[in-house]
């Protein structure tokens, strides 16, 4: 049995992280998978900005 991976970015939540994740969930609920993909890209880019730090 493997343990779940934890990610650094889950520890740092900003309002933009929350908004992007909410948008992705809304797109999933609407079954708009093109928008889901767009949000996935935006989320990854945003998390990379967190990793760069101030």
Protein backbone atom coordinates (compact mmCIF):
# COMPACT_ATOMS: atom_id res chain seq x y z
CA UNK A 1 0.00 0.00 0.00
CA UNK A 2 1.34 3.42 -0.89
CA UNK A 3 0.88 6.61 1.03
CA UNK A 4 -0.75 9.56 -0.69
CA UNK A 5 1.61 12.20 -1.97
CA UNK A 6 1.40 15.57 -0.32
CA UNK A 7 2.08 18.70 -2.28
CA UNK A 8 3.67 21.90 -1.07
CA UNK A 9 1.09 24.09 -2.78
CA UNK A 10 -1.76 22.68 -0.71
CA UNK A 11 -0.16 24.35 2.30
CA UNK A 12 -0.28 27.83 0.75
CA UNK A 13 -3.73 28.87 -0.39
CA UNK A 14 -4.33 32.29 -1.78
CA UNK A 15 -7.57 33.72 -3.13
CA UNK A 16 -6.47 33.09 -6.72
CA UNK A 17 -5.79 29.40 -5.94
CA UNK A 18 -9.27 29.11 -4.48
CA UNK A 19 -10.89 30.89 -7.43
CA UNK A 20 -9.09 28.72 -9.98
CA UNK A 21 -10.04 25.51 -8.20
CA UNK A 22 -13.65 26.67 -7.89
CA UNK A 23 -13.75 27.45 -11.61
CA UNK A 24 -12.39 24.02 -12.45
CA UNK A 25 -15.03 22.34 -10.27
CA UNK A 26 -17.78 24.38 -11.91
CA UNK A 27 -16.51 23.42 -15.36
CA UNK A 28 -16.44 19.75 -14.30
CA UNK A 29 -20.03 20.02 -13.06
CA UNK A 30 -21.04 21.49 -16.42
CA UNK A 31 -19.10 18.71 -18.18
CA UNK A 32 -17.13 21.36 -20.07
CA UNK A 33 -13.88 19.44 -20.30
CA UNK A 34 -12.21 22.02 -22.52
CA UNK A 35 -12.61 24.57 -19.71
CA UNK A 36 -11.44 21.99 -17.17
CA UNK A 37 -8.27 21.59 -19.21
CA UNK A 38 -7.83 25.36 -19.40
CA UNK A 39 -8.19 25.65 -15.63
CA UNK A 40 -5.68 22.84 -15.12
CA UNK A 41 -3.11 24.78 -17.12
CA UNK A 42 -3.85 28.00 -15.22
CA UNK A 43 -3.59 26.20 -11.88
CA UNK A 44 -0.22 24.68 -12.74
CA UNK A 45 1.12 28.05 -13.92
CA UNK A 46 -0.15 29.73 -10.77
CA UNK A 47 1.39 27.09 -8.51
CA UNK A 48 4.71 27.52 -10.30
CA UNK A 49 4.57 31.21 -9.35
CA UNK A 50 4.11 30.15 -5.72
CA UNK A 51 7.16 27.91 -5.99
CA UNK A 52 9.29 30.81 -7.21
CA UNK A 53 8.44 32.68 -4.05
CA UNK A 54 8.72 36.39 -3.32
